[in-house]
Amino acid sequence: SVELLAEYVAILSRHDNISSSVHNFRFLAPFGSAT
């Protein structure tokens, strides 16, 4: 379930988008250095 939730976090944080404008559109943002 943690891995599935991590996939949802990747979607809602637009993890695959590397543009600088993603910070203005993502619903979630990473916190901390642990991955």
PDB file of all heavy atoms in Angstrom:
ATOM      1  N   SER A   1       0.826  -1.210   0.000  1.00  0.00           N
ATOM      2  CA  SER A   1       0.000   0.000   0.000  1.00  0.00           C
ATOM      3  C   SER A   1       0.857   1.256   0.000  1.00  0.00           C
ATOM      4  O   SER A   1       0.491   2.266  -0.614  1.00  0.00           O
ATOM      5  CB  SER A   1      -0.929  -0.009   1.217  1.00  0.00           C
ATOM      6  OG  SER A   1      -0.193  -0.070   2.422  1.00  0.00           O
ATOM      7  N   VAL A   2       2.023   1.208   0.667  1.00  0.00           N
ATOM      8  CA  VAL A   2       2.916   2.373   0.669  1.00  0.00           C
ATOM      9  C   VAL A   2       3.445   2.632  -0.728  1.00  0.00           C
ATOM     10  O   VAL A   2       3.530   3.791  -1.172  1.00  0.00           O
ATOM     11  CB  VAL A   2       4.072   2.151   1.666  1.00  0.00           C
ATOM     12  CG1 VAL A   2       5.060   3.304   1.603  1.00  0.00           C
ATOM     13  CG2 VAL A   2       3.549   1.998   3.088  1.00  0.00           C
ATOM     14  N   GLU A   3       3.802   1.578  -1.476  1.00  0.00           N
ATOM     15  CA  GLU A   3       4.297   1.749  -2.842  1.00  0.00           C
ATOM     16  C   GLU A   3       3.190   2.261  -3.761  1.00  0.00           C
ATOM     17  O   GLU A   3       3.444   3.080  -4.656  1.00  0.00           O
ATOM     18  CB  GLU A   3       4.851   0.419  -3.352  1.00  0.00           C
ATOM     19  CG  GLU A   3       6.134  -0.023  -2.655  1.00  0.00           C
ATOM     20  CD  GLU A   3       6.544  -1.433  -3.039  1.00  0.00           C
ATOM     21  OE1 GLU A   3       5.680  -2.210  -3.504  1.00  0.00           O
ATOM     22  OE2 GLU A   3       7.742  -1.752  -2.879  1.00  0.00           O
ATOM     23  N   LEU A   4       1.968   1.802  -3.547  1.00  0.00           N
ATOM     24  CA  LEU A   4       0.849   2.302  -4.346  1.00  0.00           C
ATOM     25  C   LEU A   4       0.596   3.775  -4.055  1.00  0.00           C
ATOM     26  O   LEU A   4       0.350   4.574  -4.972  1.00  0.00           O
ATOM     27  CB  LEU A   4      -0.409   1.480  -4.060  1.00  0.00           C
ATOM     28  CG  LEU A   4      -0.395   0.028  -4.545  1.00  0.00           C
ATOM     29  CD1 LEU A   4      -1.596  -0.727  -3.998  1.00  0.00           C
ATOM     30  CD2 LEU A   4      -0.390  -0.026  -6.073  1.00  0.00           C
ATOM     31  N   LEU A   5       0.642   4.151  -2.772  1.00  0.00           N
ATOM     32  CA  LEU A   5       0.467   5.559  -2.421  1.00  0.00           C
ATOM     33  C   LEU A   5       1.587   6.409  -3.002  1.00  0.00           C
ATOM     34  O   LEU A   5       1.365   7.557  -3.421  1.00  0.00           O
ATOM     35  CB  LEU A   5       0.420   5.718  -0.896  1.00  0.00           C
ATOM     36  CG  LEU A   5      -0.838   5.184  -0.200  1.00  0.00           C
ATOM     37  CD1 LEU A   5      -0.668   5.238   1.313  1.00  0.00           C
ATOM     38  CD2 LEU A   5      -2.067   5.979  -0.619  1.00  0.00           C
ATOM     39  N   ALA A   6       2.802   5.867  -3.039  1.00  0.00           N
ATOM     40  CA  ALA A   6       3.918   6.599  -3.636  1.00  0.00           C
ATOM     41  C   ALA A   6       3.672   6.860  -5.116  1.00  0.00           C
ATOM     42  O   ALA A   6       4.058   7.912  -5.648  1.00  0.00           O
ATOM     43  CB  ALA A   6       5.217   5.818  -3.439  1.00  0.00           C
ATOM     44  N   GLU A   7       3.007   5.917  -5.797  1.00  0.00           N
ATOM     45  CA  GLU A   7       2.676   6.128  -7.205  1.00  0.00           C
ATOM     46  C   GLU A   7       1.654   7.258  -7.360  1.00  0.00           C
ATOM     47  O   GLU A   7       1.753   8.082  -8.281  1.00  0.00           O
ATOM     48  CB  GLU A   7       2.131   4.840  -7.806  1.00  0.00           C
ATOM     49  CG  GLU A   7       1.881   4.904  -9.306  1.00  0.00           C
ATOM     50  CD  GLU A   7       3.155   5.037 -10.121  1.00  0.00           C
ATOM     51  OE1 GLU A   7       4.248   4.773  -9.590  1.00  0.00           O
ATOM     52  OE2 GLU A   7       3.047   5.419 -11.304  1.00  0.00           O
ATOM     53  N   TYR A   8       0.676   7.315  -6.460  1.00  0.00           N
ATOM     54  CA  TYR A   8      -0.281   8.429  -6.488  1.00  0.00           C
ATOM     55  C   TYR A   8       0.420   9.762  -6.220  1.00  0.00           C
ATOM     56  O   TYR A   8       0.098  10.779  -6.840  1.00  0.00           O
ATOM     57  CB  TYR A   8      -1.381   8.199  -5.456  1.00  0.00           C
ATOM     58  CG  TYR A   8      -2.449   7.229  -5.891  1.00  0.00           C
ATOM     59  CD1 TYR A   8      -2.508   5.950  -5.348  1.00  0.00           C
ATOM     60  CD2 TYR A   8      -3.387   7.589  -6.848  1.00  0.00           C
ATOM     61  CE1 TYR A   8      -3.487   5.054  -5.749  1.00  0.00           C
ATOM     62  CE2 TYR A   8      -4.371   6.694  -7.248  1.00  0.00           C
ATOM     63  CZ  TYR A   8      -4.410   5.430  -6.703  1.00  0.00           C
ATOM     64  OH  TYR A   8      -5.376   4.541  -7.108  1.00  0.00           O
ATOM     65  N   VAL A   9       1.363   9.752  -5.290  1.00  0.00           N
ATOM     66  CA  VAL A   9       2.121  10.977  -5.005  1.00  0.00           C
ATOM     67  C   VAL A   9       2.906  11.408  -6.233  1.00  0.00           C
ATOM     68  O   VAL A   9       2.990  12.600  -6.555  1.00  0.00           O
ATOM     69  CB  VAL A   9       3.058  10.760  -3.796  1.00  0.00           C
ATOM     70  CG1 VAL A   9       4.003  11.954  -3.629  1.00  0.00           C
ATOM     71  CG2 VAL A   9       2.243  10.562  -2.522  1.00  0.00           C
ATOM     72  N   ALA A  10       3.486  10.448  -6.963  1.00  0.00           N
ATOM     73  CA  ALA A  10       4.218  10.771  -8.183  1.00  0.00           C
ATOM     74  C   ALA A  10       3.306  11.417  -9.226  1.00  0.00           C
ATOM     75  O   ALA A  10       3.702  12.344  -9.937  1.00  0.00           O
ATOM     76  CB  ALA A  10       4.864   9.513  -8.751  1.00  0.00           C
ATOM     77  N   ILE A  11       2.054  10.943  -9.285  1.00  0.00           N
ATOM     78  CA  ILE A  11       1.102  11.507 -10.250  1.00  0.00           C
ATOM     79  C   ILE A  11       0.678  12.910  -9.838  1.00  0.00           C
ATOM     80  O   ILE A  11       0.705  13.854 -10.641  1.00  0.00           O
ATOM     81  CB  ILE A  11      -0.128  10.587 -10.371  1.00  0.00           C
ATOM     82  CG1 ILE A  11       0.269   9.235 -10.985  1.00  0.00           C
ATOM     83  CG2 ILE A  11      -1.217  11.247 -11.206  1.00  0.00           C
ATOM     84  CD1 ILE A  11      -0.834   8.202 -10.942  1.00  0.00           C
ATOM     85  N   LEU A  12       0.275  13.074  -8.577  1.00  0.00           N
ATOM     86  CA  LEU A  12      -0.247  14.365  -8.120  1.00  0.00           C
ATOM     87  C   LEU A  12       0.839  15.418  -7.977  1.00  0.00           C
ATOM     88  O   LEU A  12       0.541  16.617  -7.964  1.00  0.00           O
ATOM     89  CB  LEU A  12      -0.972  14.176  -6.777  1.00  0.00           C
ATOM     90  CG  LEU A  12      -2.246  13.329  -6.844  1.00  0.00           C
ATOM     91  CD1 LEU A  12      -2.770  13.050  -5.440  1.00  0.00           C
ATOM     92  CD2 LEU A  12      -3.319  14.022  -7.671  1.00  0.00           C
ATOM     93  N   SER A  13       2.096  15.007  -7.843  1.00  0.00           N
ATOM     94  CA  SER A  13       3.201  15.965  -7.783  1.00  0.00           C
ATOM     95  C   SER A  13       3.835  16.186  -9.147  1.00  0.00           C
ATOM     96  O   SER A  13       4.826  16.910  -9.250  1.00  0.00           O
ATOM     97  CB  SER A  13       4.265  15.485  -6.794  1.00  0.00           C
ATOM     98  OG  SER A  13       4.831  14.250  -7.211  1.00  0.00           O
ATOM     99  N   ARG A  14       3.285  15.530 -10.184  1.00  0.00           N
ATOM    100  CA  ARG A  14       3.811  15.639 -11.552  1.00  0.00           C
ATOM    101  C   ARG A  14       5.314  15.343 -11.577  1.00  0.00           C
ATOM    102  O   ARG A  14       6.117  16.134 -12.067  1.00  0.00           O
ATOM    103  CB  ARG A  14       3.517  17.023 -12.123  1.00  0.00           C
ATOM    104  CG  ARG A  14       2.030  17.359 -12.173  1.00  0.00           C
ATOM    105  CD  ARG A  14       1.732  18.535 -13.049  1.00  0.00           C
ATOM    106  NE  ARG A  14       0.313  18.794 -13.142  1.00  0.00           N
ATOM    107  CZ  ARG A  14      -0.240  19.671 -13.993  1.00  0.00           C
ATOM    108  NH1 ARG A  14       0.541  20.352 -14.810  1.00  0.00           N
ATOM    109  NH2 ARG A  14      -1.546  19.844 -14.020  1.00  0.00           N
ATOM    110  N   HIS A  15       5.648  14.182 -11.040  1.00  0.00           N
ATOM    111  CA  HIS A  15       7.043  13.801 -10.881  1.00  0.00           C
ATOM    112  C   HIS A  15       7.783  13.720 -12.207  1.00  0.00           C
ATOM    113  O   HIS A  15       8.998  13.937 -12.278  1.00  0.00           O
ATOM    114  CB  HIS A  15       7.119  12.458 -10.140  1.00  0.00           C
ATOM    115  CG  HIS A  15       8.488  12.071  -9.717  1.00  0.00           C
ATOM    116  ND1 HIS A  15       9.367  11.392 -10.537  1.00  0.00           N
ATOM    117  CD2 HIS A  15       9.154  12.278  -8.550  1.00  0.00           C
ATOM    118  CE1 HIS A  15      10.499  11.184  -9.903  1.00  0.00           C
ATOM    119  NE2 HIS A  15      10.398  11.718  -8.707  1.00  0.00           N
ATOM    120  N   ASP A  16       7.054  13.381 -13.284  1.00  0.00           N
ATOM    121  CA  ASP A  16       7.699  13.225 -14.588  1.00  0.00           C
ATOM    122  C   ASP A  16       7.877  14.538 -15.331  1.00  0.00           C
ATOM    123  O   ASP A  16       8.463  14.558 -16.421  1.00  0.00           O
ATOM    124  CB  ASP A  16       6.876  12.259 -15.452  1.00  0.00           C
ATOM    125  CG  ASP A  16       5.440  12.728 -15.643  1.00  0.00           C
ATOM    126  OD1 ASP A  16       4.999  13.574 -14.851  1.00  0.00           O
ATOM    127  OD2 ASP A  16       4.767  12.232 -16.565  1.00  0.00           O
ATOM    128  N   ASN A  17       7.391  15.636 -14.781  1.00  0.00           N
ATOM    129  CA  ASN A  17       7.517  16.950 -15.407  1.00  0.00           C
ATOM    130  C   ASN A  17       8.725  17.667 -14.800  1.00  0.00           C
ATOM    131  O   ASN A  17       8.744  17.955 -13.603  1.00  0.00           O
ATOM    132  CB  ASN A  17       6.247  17.765 -15.181  1.00  0.00           C
ATOM    133  CG  ASN A  17       6.203  19.032 -16.017  1.00  0.00           C
ATOM    134  OD1 ASN A  17       7.233  19.542 -16.460  1.00  0.00           O
ATOM    135  ND2 ASN A  17       5.007  19.554 -16.238  1.00  0.00           N
ATOM    136  N   ILE A  18       9.730  17.949 -15.630  1.00  0.00           N
ATOM    137  CA  ILE A  18      10.960  18.565 -15.130  1.00  0.00           C
ATOM    138  C   ILE A  18      11.015  20.065 -15.392  1.00  0.00           C
ATOM    139  O   ILE A  18      12.028  20.708 -15.105  1.00  0.00           O
ATOM    140  CB  ILE A  18      12.200  17.888 -15.758  1.00  0.00           C
ATOM    141  CG1 ILE A  18      12.177  18.062 -17.291  1.00  0.00           C
ATOM    142  CG2 ILE A  18      12.264  16.418 -15.378  1.00  0.00           C
ATOM    143  CD1 ILE A  18      13.432  17.542 -17.965  1.00  0.00           C
ATOM    144  N   SER A  19       9.955  20.646 -15.931  1.00  0.00           N
ATOM    145  CA  SER A  19       9.956  22.080 -16.211  1.00  0.00           C
ATOM    146  C   SER A  19       9.848  22.878 -14.916  1.00  0.00           C
ATOM    147  O   SER A  19       9.355  22.380 -13.893  1.00  0.00           O
ATOM    148  CB  SER A  19       8.806  22.442 -17.144  1.00  0.00           C
ATOM    149  OG  SER A  19       7.565  22.225 -16.511  1.00  0.00           O
ATOM    150  N   SER A  20      10.293  24.116 -14.972  1.00  0.00           N
ATOM    151  CA  SER A  20      10.259  24.962 -13.779  1.00  0.00           C
ATOM    152  C   SER A  20       8.844  25.376 -13.409  1.00  0.00           C
ATOM    153  O   SER A  20       8.566  25.708 -12.254  1.00  0.00           O
ATOM    154  CB  SER A  20      11.119  26.212 -14.011  1.00  0.00           C
ATOM    155  OG  SER A  20      10.656  26.939 -15.149  1.00  0.00           O
ATOM    156  N   SER A  21       7.922  25.359 -14.376  1.00  0.00           N
ATOM    157  CA  SER A  21       6.550  25.797 -14.107  1.00  0.00           C
ATOM    158  C   SER A  21       5.742  24.781 -13.326  1.00  0.00           C
ATOM    159  O   SER A  21       4.641  25.071 -12.886  1.00  0.00           O
ATOM    160  CB  SER A  21       5.835  26.107 -15.423  1.00  0.00           C
ATOM    161  OG  SER A  21       5.763  24.945 -16.231  1.00  0.00           O
ATOM    162  N   VAL A  22       6.286  23.552 -13.145  1.00  0.00           N
ATOM    163  CA  VAL A  22       5.529  22.512 -12.453  1.00  0.00           C
ATOM    164  C   VAL A  22       5.248  22.901 -11.009  1.00  0.00           C
ATOM    165  O   VAL A  22       4.262  22.455 -10.415  1.00  0.00           O
ATOM    166  CB  VAL A  22       6.302  21.173 -12.513  1.00  0.00           C
ATOM    167  CG1 VAL A  22       7.540  21.216 -11.657  1.00  0.00           C
ATOM    168  CG2 VAL A  22       5.408  20.015 -12.078  1.00  0.00           C
ATOM    169  N   HIS A  23       6.085  23.761 -10.423  1.00  0.00           N
ATOM    170  CA  HIS A  23       5.888  24.176  -9.034  1.00  0.00           C
ATOM    171  C   HIS A  23       4.580  24.943  -8.851  1.00  0.00           C
ATOM    172  O   HIS A  23       4.057  25.010  -7.741  1.00  0.00           O
ATOM    173  CB  HIS A  23       7.060  25.037  -8.570  1.00  0.00           C
ATOM    174  CG  HIS A  23       8.372  24.315  -8.589  1.00  0.00           C
ATOM    175  ND1 HIS A  23       8.751  23.421  -7.620  1.00  0.00           N
ATOM    176  CD2 HIS A  23       9.400  24.341  -9.475  1.00  0.00           C
ATOM    177  CE1 HIS A  23       9.947  22.936  -7.888  1.00  0.00           C
ATOM    178  NE2 HIS A  23      10.365  23.467  -9.019  1.00  0.00           N
ATOM    179  N   ASN A  24       4.058  25.510  -9.941  1.00  0.00           N
ATOM    180  CA  ASN A  24       2.823  26.296  -9.842  1.00  0.00           C
ATOM    181  C   ASN A  24       1.574  25.465 -10.101  1.00  0.00           C
ATOM    182  O   ASN A  24       0.460  25.986  -9.946  1.00  0.00           O
ATOM    183  CB  ASN A  24       2.868  27.451 -10.839  1.00  0.00           C
ATOM    184  CG  ASN A  24       4.015  28.400 -10.574  1.00  0.00           C
ATOM    185  OD1 ASN A  24       4.355  28.668  -9.428  1.00  0.00           O
ATOM    186  ND2 ASN A  24       4.640  28.899 -11.637  1.00  0.00           N
ATOM    187  N   PHE A  25       1.732  24.202 -10.507  1.00  0.00           N
ATOM    188  CA  PHE A  25       0.579  23.399 -10.899  1.00  0.00           C
ATOM    189  C   PHE A  25       0.448  22.094 -10.116  1.00  0.00           C
ATOM    190  O   PHE A  25      -0.611  21.490 -10.141  1.00  0.00           O
ATOM    191  CB  PHE A  25       0.639  23.067 -12.394  1.00  0.00           C
ATOM    192  CG  PHE A  25       0.603  24.280 -13.281  1.00  0.00           C
ATOM    193  CD1 PHE A  25       1.765  24.798 -13.829  1.00  0.00           C
ATOM    194  CD2 PHE A  25      -0.591  24.922 -13.554  1.00  0.00           C
ATOM    195  CE1 PHE A  25       1.731  25.921 -14.643  1.00  0.00           C
ATOM    196  CE2 PHE A  25      -0.634  26.039 -14.359  1.00  0.00           C
ATOM    197  CZ  PHE A  25       0.527  26.544 -14.908  1.00  0.00           C
ATOM    198  N   ARG A  26       1.481  21.652  -9.450  1.00  0.00           N
ATOM    199  CA  ARG A  26       1.402  20.364  -8.761  1.00  0.00           C
ATOM    200  C   ARG A  26       0.549  20.483  -7.507  1.00  0.00           C
ATOM    201  O   ARG A  26       0.520  21.508  -6.836  1.00  0.00           O
ATOM    202  CB  ARG A  26       2.806  19.878  -8.407  1.00  0.00           C
ATOM    203  CG  ARG A  26       3.565  20.779  -7.444  1.00  0.00           C
ATOM    204  CD  ARG A  26       5.000  20.330  -7.301  1.00  0.00           C
ATOM    205  NE  ARG A  26       5.723  21.189  -6.352  1.00  0.00           N
ATOM    206  CZ  ARG A  26       7.035  21.092  -6.133  1.00  0.00           C
ATOM    207  NH1 ARG A  26       7.756  20.192  -6.791  1.00  0.00           N
ATOM    208  NH2 ARG A  26       7.608  21.892  -5.259  1.00  0.00           N
ATOM    209  N   PHE A  27      -0.150  19.389  -7.192  1.00  0.00           N
ATOM    210  CA  PHE A  27      -0.992  19.344  -6.004  1.00  0.00           C
ATOM    211  C   PHE A  27      -0.195  18.945  -4.760  1.00  0.00           C
ATOM    212  O   PHE A  27      -0.577  19.304  -3.650  1.00  0.00           O
ATOM    213  CB  PHE A  27      -2.135  18.348  -6.199  1.00  0.00           C
ATOM    214  CG  PHE A  27      -3.209  18.832  -7.139  1.00  0.00           C
ATOM    215  CD1 PHE A  27      -3.095  20.052  -7.801  1.00  0.00           C
ATOM    216  CD2 PHE A  27      -4.347  18.078  -7.362  1.00  0.00           C
ATOM    217  CE1 PHE A  27      -4.073  20.502  -8.649  1.00  0.00           C
ATOM    218  CE2 PHE A  27      -5.347  18.523  -8.215  1.00  0.00           C
ATOM    219  CZ  PHE A  27      -5.198  19.736  -8.862  1.00  0.00           C
ATOM    220  N   LEU A  28       0.874  18.187  -4.932  1.00  0.00           N
ATOM    221  CA  LEU A  28       1.719  17.746  -3.829  1.00  0.00           C
ATOM    222  C   LEU A  28       3.157  18.142  -4.105  1.00  0.00           C
ATOM    223  O   LEU A  28       3.563  18.304  -5.260  1.00  0.00           O
ATOM    224  CB  LEU A  28       1.635  16.216  -3.656  1.00  0.00           C
ATOM    225  CG  LEU A  28       0.253  15.584  -3.509  1.00  0.00           C
ATOM    226  CD1 LEU A  28       0.375  14.070  -3.410  1.00  0.00           C
ATOM    227  CD2 LEU A  28      -0.472  16.131  -2.293  1.00  0.00           C
ATOM    228  N   ALA A  29       3.938  18.294  -3.039  1.00  0.00           N
ATOM    229  CA  ALA A  29       5.352  18.631  -3.162  1.00  0.00           C
ATOM    230  C   ALA A  29       6.150  17.731  -2.229  1.00  0.00           C
ATOM    231  O   ALA A  29       5.708  17.440  -1.111  1.00  0.00           O
ATOM    232  CB  ALA A  29       5.595  20.101  -2.822  1.00  0.00           C
ATOM    233  N   PRO A  30       7.339  17.266  -2.660  1.00  0.00           N
ATOM    234  CA  PRO A  30       8.151  16.405  -1.782  1.00  0.00           C
ATOM    235  C   PRO A  30       8.644  17.173  -0.567  1.00  0.00           C
ATOM    236  O   PRO A  30       8.864  18.381  -0.615  1.00  0.00           O
ATOM    237  CB  PRO A  30       9.308  15.976  -2.691  1.00  0.00           C
ATOM    238  CG  PRO A  30       9.387  17.043  -3.741  1.00  0.00           C
ATOM    239  CD  PRO A  30       7.985  17.514  -3.951  1.00  0.00           C
ATOM    240  N   PHE A  31       8.850  16.437   0.524  1.00  0.00           N
ATOM    241  CA  PHE A  31       9.358  17.025   1.763  1.00  0.00           C
ATOM    242  C   PHE A  31      10.430  16.092   2.323  1.00  0.00           C
ATOM    243  O   PHE A  31      10.172  14.914   2.550  1.00  0.00           O
ATOM    244  CB  PHE A  31       8.229  17.209   2.787  1.00  0.00           C
ATOM    245  CG  PHE A  31       8.664  17.892   4.053  1.00  0.00           C
ATOM    246  CD1 PHE A  31       8.670  19.269   4.147  1.00  0.00           C
ATOM    247  CD2 PHE A  31       9.086  17.146   5.144  1.00  0.00           C
ATOM    248  CE1 PHE A  31       9.067  19.907   5.299  1.00  0.00           C
ATOM    249  CE2 PHE A  31       9.477  17.773   6.310  1.00  0.00           C
ATOM    250  CZ  PHE A  31       9.480  19.150   6.388  1.00  0.00           C
ATOM    251  N   GLY A  32      11.617  16.623   2.521  1.00  0.00           N
ATOM    252  CA  GLY A  32      12.707  15.814   3.055  1.00  0.00           C
ATOM    253  C   GLY A  32      13.502  15.133   1.959  1.00  0.00           C
ATOM    254  O   GLY A  32      13.155  15.182   0.770  1.00  0.00           O
ATOM    255  N   SER A  33      14.554  14.469   2.349  1.00  0.00           N
ATOM    256  CA  SER A  33      15.469  13.850   1.390  1.00  0.00           C
ATOM    257  C   SER A  33      15.254  12.343   1.246  1.00  0.00           C
ATOM    258  O   SER A  33      15.756  11.740   0.306  1.00  0.00           O
ATOM    259  CB  SER A  33      16.920  14.098   1.819  1.00  0.00           C
ATOM    260  OG  SER A  33      17.146  13.627   3.142  1.00  0.00           O
ATOM    261  N   ALA A  34      14.538  11.710   2.159  1.00  0.00           N
ATOM    262  CA  ALA A  34      14.321  10.260   2.087  1.00  0.00           C
ATOM    263  C   ALA A  34      13.385   9.929   0.932  1.00  0.00           C
ATOM    264  O   ALA A  34      12.363  10.591   0.729  1.00  0.00           O
ATOM    265  CB  ALA A  34      13.736   9.750   3.402  1.00  0.00           C
ATOM    266  N   THR A  35      13.737   8.915   0.137  1.00  0.00           N
ATOM    267  CA  THR A  35      12.942   8.530  -1.023  1.00  0.00           C
ATOM    268  C   THR A  35      12.709   7.023  -1.029  1.00  0.00           C
ATOM    269  O   THR A  35      13.369   6.271  -0.308  1.00  0.00           O
ATOM    270  CB  THR A  35      13.637   8.936  -2.336  1.00  0.00           C
ATOM    271  OG1 THR A  35      14.910   8.280  -2.417  1.00  0.00           O
ATOM    272  CG2 THR A  35      13.824  10.439  -2.416  1.00  0.00           C
TER     273      THR A  35
END
